[in-house]
Amino acid sequence: MIEKQIAQESPKTQKVREKLKKKLEENDKKITPQALQKKTIEIHQWINRHAKQRIVLKSKSISLFDENQNTAHTSQRIRSLLEELKLY
């Protein structure tokens, strides 16, 4: 069997990889059962605050999956992460 040799990463690539790895680890540390519980409560409170604005739809059928005809917009957080990655 022939072993493929992989070129070594440049120091710049290594630095960026470590930086991204560190950011991901920091984000992972923020996801705790307590943080999830807190966010769940915040979401429920938001839903309750806006309950008066909800509209009951009787004549329109809504399906969860529409075969990507109406895709979600990219969030601001994801756009900012993409911009950060483009800098490297």
N, C-alpha and C. Protein backbone atom coordinates (compact mmCIF):
# COMPACT_ATOMS: atom_id res chain seq x y z
N MET A 1 0.84 -1.18 0.00
CA MET A 1 0.00 0.00 0.00
C MET A 1 0.89 1.25 0.00
N ILE A 2 0.53 2.21 -0.81
CA ILE A 2 1.30 3.44 -0.93
C ILE A 2 0.78 4.45 0.09
N GLU A 3 1.70 4.98 0.89
CA GLU A 3 1.33 5.98 1.87
C GLU A 3 1.41 7.36 1.25
N LYS A 4 0.36 8.13 1.44
CA LYS A 4 0.35 9.48 0.92
C LYS A 4 1.04 10.40 1.92
N GLN A 5 1.87 11.26 1.42
CA GLN A 5 2.50 12.24 2.29
C GLN A 5 1.70 13.53 2.23
N ILE A 6 1.50 14.09 3.38
CA ILE A 6 0.75 15.33 3.46
C ILE A 6 1.73 16.45 3.75
N ALA A 7 1.59 17.51 3.01
CA ALA A 7 2.48 18.66 3.19
C ALA A 7 2.23 19.28 4.56
N GLN A 8 3.30 19.74 5.18
CA GLN A 8 3.16 20.39 6.47
C GLN A 8 2.45 21.73 6.32
N GLU A 9 1.70 22.06 7.36
CA GLU A 9 1.01 23.35 7.35
C GLU A 9 2.01 24.47 7.56
N SER A 10 1.72 25.57 6.96
CA SER A 10 2.57 26.74 7.15
C SER A 10 2.36 27.26 8.58
N PRO A 11 3.32 28.00 9.10
CA PRO A 11 3.15 28.56 10.45
C PRO A 11 1.90 29.43 10.57
N LYS A 12 1.59 30.15 9.50
CA LYS A 12 0.39 31.00 9.51
C LYS A 12 -0.87 30.15 9.63
N THR A 13 -0.93 29.05 8.88
CA THR A 13 -2.08 28.15 8.93
C THR A 13 -2.18 27.52 10.31
N GLN A 14 -1.07 27.12 10.88
CA GLN A 14 -1.07 26.53 12.22
C GLN A 14 -1.60 27.53 13.25
N LYS A 15 -1.17 28.78 13.12
CA LYS A 15 -1.60 29.82 14.04
C LYS A 15 -3.12 30.02 13.95
N VAL A 16 -3.62 30.09 12.73
CA VAL A 16 -5.05 30.29 12.53
C VAL A 16 -5.83 29.08 13.04
N ARG A 17 -5.32 27.89 12.79
CA ARG A 17 -5.99 26.68 13.26
C ARG A 17 -6.08 26.68 14.79
N GLU A 18 -5.00 27.04 15.44
CA GLU A 18 -5.00 27.09 16.91
C GLU A 18 -5.96 28.15 17.43
N LYS A 19 -5.99 29.29 16.74
CA LYS A 19 -6.88 30.37 17.13
C LYS A 19 -8.35 29.93 17.03
N LEU A 20 -8.68 29.29 15.91
CA LEU A 20 -10.05 28.81 15.73
C LEU A 20 -10.39 27.71 16.74
N LYS A 21 -9.43 26.84 16.97
CA LYS A 21 -9.64 25.76 17.94
C LYS A 21 -9.91 26.34 19.32
N LYS A 22 -9.16 27.37 19.69
CA LYS A 22 -9.33 28.01 20.98
C LYS A 22 -10.72 28.66 21.07
N LYS A 23 -11.15 29.34 20.00
CA LYS A 23 -12.47 29.97 19.98
C LYS A 23 -13.58 28.93 20.13
N LEU A 24 -13.44 27.82 19.41
CA LEU A 24 -14.44 26.76 19.50
C LEU A 24 -14.50 26.17 20.89
N GLU A 25 -13.34 25.98 21.51
CA GLU A 25 -13.31 25.45 22.87
C GLU A 25 -13.96 26.43 23.85
N GLU A 26 -13.70 27.72 23.67
CA GLU A 26 -14.33 28.73 24.52
C GLU A 26 -15.85 28.71 24.36
N ASN A 27 -16.31 28.58 23.11
CA ASN A 27 -17.75 28.50 22.87
C ASN A 27 -18.34 27.25 23.50
N ASP A 28 -17.63 26.13 23.40
CA ASP A 28 -18.12 24.88 23.99
C ASP A 28 -18.24 24.99 25.50
N LYS A 29 -17.32 25.73 26.12
CA LYS A 29 -17.37 25.89 27.59
C LYS A 29 -18.60 26.68 28.02
N LYS A 30 -19.09 27.54 27.14
CA LYS A 30 -20.25 28.37 27.47
C LYS A 30 -21.55 27.57 27.45
N ILE A 31 -21.54 26.42 26.79
CA ILE A 31 -22.76 25.61 26.68
C ILE A 31 -22.80 24.65 27.86
N THR A 32 -23.54 25.07 28.88
CA THR A 32 -23.69 24.27 30.10
C THR A 32 -25.17 23.99 30.31
N PRO A 33 -25.48 23.00 31.13
CA PRO A 33 -26.91 22.76 31.43
C PRO A 33 -27.59 24.00 32.01
N GLN A 34 -26.86 24.76 32.82
CA GLN A 34 -27.45 25.96 33.41
C GLN A 34 -27.70 27.03 32.34
N ALA A 35 -26.75 27.18 31.42
CA ALA A 35 -26.93 28.17 30.35
C ALA A 35 -28.09 27.77 29.44
N LEU A 36 -28.21 26.48 29.16
CA LEU A 36 -29.32 26.01 28.32
C LEU A 36 -30.66 26.24 29.03
N GLN A 37 -30.69 25.97 30.32
CA GLN A 37 -31.92 26.19 31.09
C GLN A 37 -32.29 27.67 31.11
N LYS A 38 -31.29 28.52 31.30
CA LYS A 38 -31.53 29.97 31.31
C LYS A 38 -32.08 30.43 29.97
N LYS A 39 -31.49 29.96 28.89
CA LYS A 39 -31.94 30.34 27.55
C LYS A 39 -33.36 29.82 27.29
N THR A 40 -33.66 28.62 27.76
CA THR A 40 -35.01 28.07 27.60
C THR A 40 -36.03 28.96 28.29
N ILE A 41 -35.71 29.41 29.49
CA ILE A 41 -36.61 30.30 30.23
C ILE A 41 -36.77 31.62 29.47
N GLU A 42 -35.67 32.17 28.96
CA GLU A 42 -35.75 33.42 28.19
C GLU A 42 -36.64 33.26 26.97
N ILE A 43 -36.53 32.14 26.28
CA ILE A 43 -37.35 31.89 25.09
C ILE A 43 -38.83 31.80 25.48
N HIS A 44 -39.13 31.09 26.57
CA HIS A 44 -40.52 30.98 27.02
C HIS A 44 -41.08 32.34 27.41
N GLN A 45 -40.26 33.15 28.06
CA GLN A 45 -40.71 34.49 28.44
C GLN A 45 -40.97 35.33 27.20
N TRP A 46 -40.11 35.22 26.19
CA TRP A 46 -40.30 35.98 24.96
C TRP A 46 -41.60 35.56 24.28
N ILE A 47 -41.84 34.26 24.23
CA ILE A 47 -43.08 33.76 23.61
C ILE A 47 -44.29 34.30 24.36
N ASN A 48 -44.23 34.28 25.68
CA ASN A 48 -45.35 34.78 26.49
C ASN A 48 -45.57 36.28 26.28
N ARG A 49 -44.48 37.05 26.19
CA ARG A 49 -44.60 38.49 25.98
C ARG A 49 -45.25 38.82 24.64
N HIS A 50 -45.01 37.99 23.65
CA HIS A 50 -45.50 38.27 22.30
C HIS A 50 -46.75 37.45 21.94
N ALA A 51 -47.34 36.80 22.91
CA ALA A 51 -48.50 35.96 22.65
C ALA A 51 -49.67 36.75 22.07
N LYS A 52 -49.80 38.01 22.49
CA LYS A 52 -50.92 38.84 22.01
C LYS A 52 -50.81 39.14 20.52
N GLN A 53 -49.61 39.10 20.00
CA GLN A 53 -49.40 39.42 18.59
C GLN A 53 -49.57 38.22 17.67
N ARG A 54 -49.75 37.05 18.26
CA ARG A 54 -49.87 35.84 17.43
C ARG A 54 -51.19 35.82 16.69
N ILE A 55 -51.16 35.26 15.52
CA ILE A 55 -52.35 35.17 14.67
C ILE A 55 -52.67 33.70 14.45
N VAL A 56 -53.92 33.36 14.65
CA VAL A 56 -54.35 31.98 14.42
C VAL A 56 -54.60 31.81 12.93
N LEU A 57 -53.91 30.86 12.32
CA LEU A 57 -54.08 30.61 10.89
C LEU A 57 -55.01 29.42 10.70
N LYS A 58 -56.15 29.69 10.09
CA LYS A 58 -57.11 28.61 9.86
C LYS A 58 -57.19 28.23 8.39
N SER A 59 -56.93 29.21 7.52
CA SER A 59 -57.11 28.96 6.10
C SER A 59 -55.82 28.61 5.38
N LYS A 60 -54.71 28.65 6.06
CA LYS A 60 -53.44 28.40 5.40
C LYS A 60 -52.76 27.18 6.03
N SER A 61 -52.31 26.29 5.18
CA SER A 61 -51.59 25.13 5.71
C SER A 61 -50.10 25.45 5.73
N ILE A 62 -49.46 25.04 6.79
CA ILE A 62 -48.03 25.31 6.94
C ILE A 62 -47.32 23.97 7.08
N SER A 63 -46.29 23.81 6.28
CA SER A 63 -45.50 22.59 6.41
C SER A 63 -44.12 22.97 6.93
N LEU A 64 -43.55 22.09 7.71
CA LEU A 64 -42.26 22.36 8.31
C LEU A 64 -41.16 22.40 7.26
N PHE A 65 -41.22 21.49 6.30
CA PHE A 65 -40.20 21.43 5.26
C PHE A 65 -40.83 21.76 3.92
N ASP A 66 -40.26 22.74 3.26
CA ASP A 66 -40.80 23.15 1.97
C ASP A 66 -39.78 22.93 0.86
N GLU A 67 -38.94 21.93 1.04
CA GLU A 67 -37.93 21.56 0.05
C GLU A 67 -37.03 22.74 -0.31
N ASN A 68 -36.69 23.53 0.68
CA ASN A 68 -35.78 24.67 0.55
C ASN A 68 -36.26 25.74 -0.43
N GLN A 69 -37.55 25.86 -0.60
CA GLN A 69 -38.08 26.92 -1.44
C GLN A 69 -37.93 28.27 -0.74
N ASN A 70 -38.03 28.25 0.57
CA ASN A 70 -37.90 29.47 1.37
C ASN A 70 -36.82 29.24 2.42
N THR A 71 -35.58 29.41 2.04
CA THR A 71 -34.50 29.14 2.97
C THR A 71 -34.37 30.27 3.97
N ALA A 72 -33.84 29.93 5.13
CA ALA A 72 -33.64 30.93 6.18
C ALA A 72 -32.47 31.83 5.80
N HIS A 73 -32.55 33.06 6.25
CA HIS A 73 -31.46 34.01 6.03
C HIS A 73 -30.30 33.65 6.94
N THR A 74 -29.09 33.91 6.49
CA THR A 74 -27.91 33.66 7.30
C THR A 74 -27.90 34.66 8.45
N SER A 75 -27.70 34.15 9.66
CA SER A 75 -27.73 35.02 10.83
C SER A 75 -26.52 35.96 10.85
N GLN A 76 -26.68 37.03 11.59
CA GLN A 76 -25.60 38.02 11.69
C GLN A 76 -24.36 37.38 12.32
N ARG A 77 -24.54 36.51 13.28
CA ARG A 77 -23.41 35.84 13.95
C ARG A 77 -22.64 34.99 12.95
N ILE A 78 -23.34 34.24 12.13
CA ILE A 78 -22.68 33.39 11.12
C ILE A 78 -21.97 34.25 10.09
N ARG A 79 -22.60 35.36 9.68
CA ARG A 79 -21.95 36.26 8.73
C ARG A 79 -20.66 36.82 9.31
N SER A 80 -20.68 37.18 10.58
CA SER A 80 -19.47 37.74 11.19
C SER A 80 -18.37 36.69 11.30
N LEU A 81 -18.75 35.45 11.60
CA LEU A 81 -17.76 34.36 11.64
C LEU A 81 -17.15 34.12 10.26
N LEU A 82 -17.99 34.19 9.22
CA LEU A 82 -17.48 34.02 7.86
C LEU A 82 -16.49 35.12 7.50
N GLU A 83 -16.82 36.34 7.91
CA GLU A 83 -15.93 37.46 7.62
C GLU A 83 -14.59 37.28 8.35
N GLU A 84 -14.65 36.79 9.59
CA GLU A 84 -13.42 36.54 10.33
C GLU A 84 -12.56 35.49 9.62
N LEU A 85 -13.21 34.45 9.13
CA LEU A 85 -12.46 33.39 8.46
C LEU A 85 -11.85 33.88 7.16
N LYS A 86 -12.51 34.79 6.48
CA LYS A 86 -11.99 35.32 5.23
C LYS A 86 -10.70 36.12 5.45
N LEU A 87 -10.55 36.68 6.65
CA LEU A 87 -9.37 37.47 6.94
C LEU A 87 -8.11 36.63 7.02
N TYR A 88 -8.27 35.37 7.24
CA TYR A 88 -7.09 34.50 7.40
C TYR A 88 -6.83 33.81 6.12
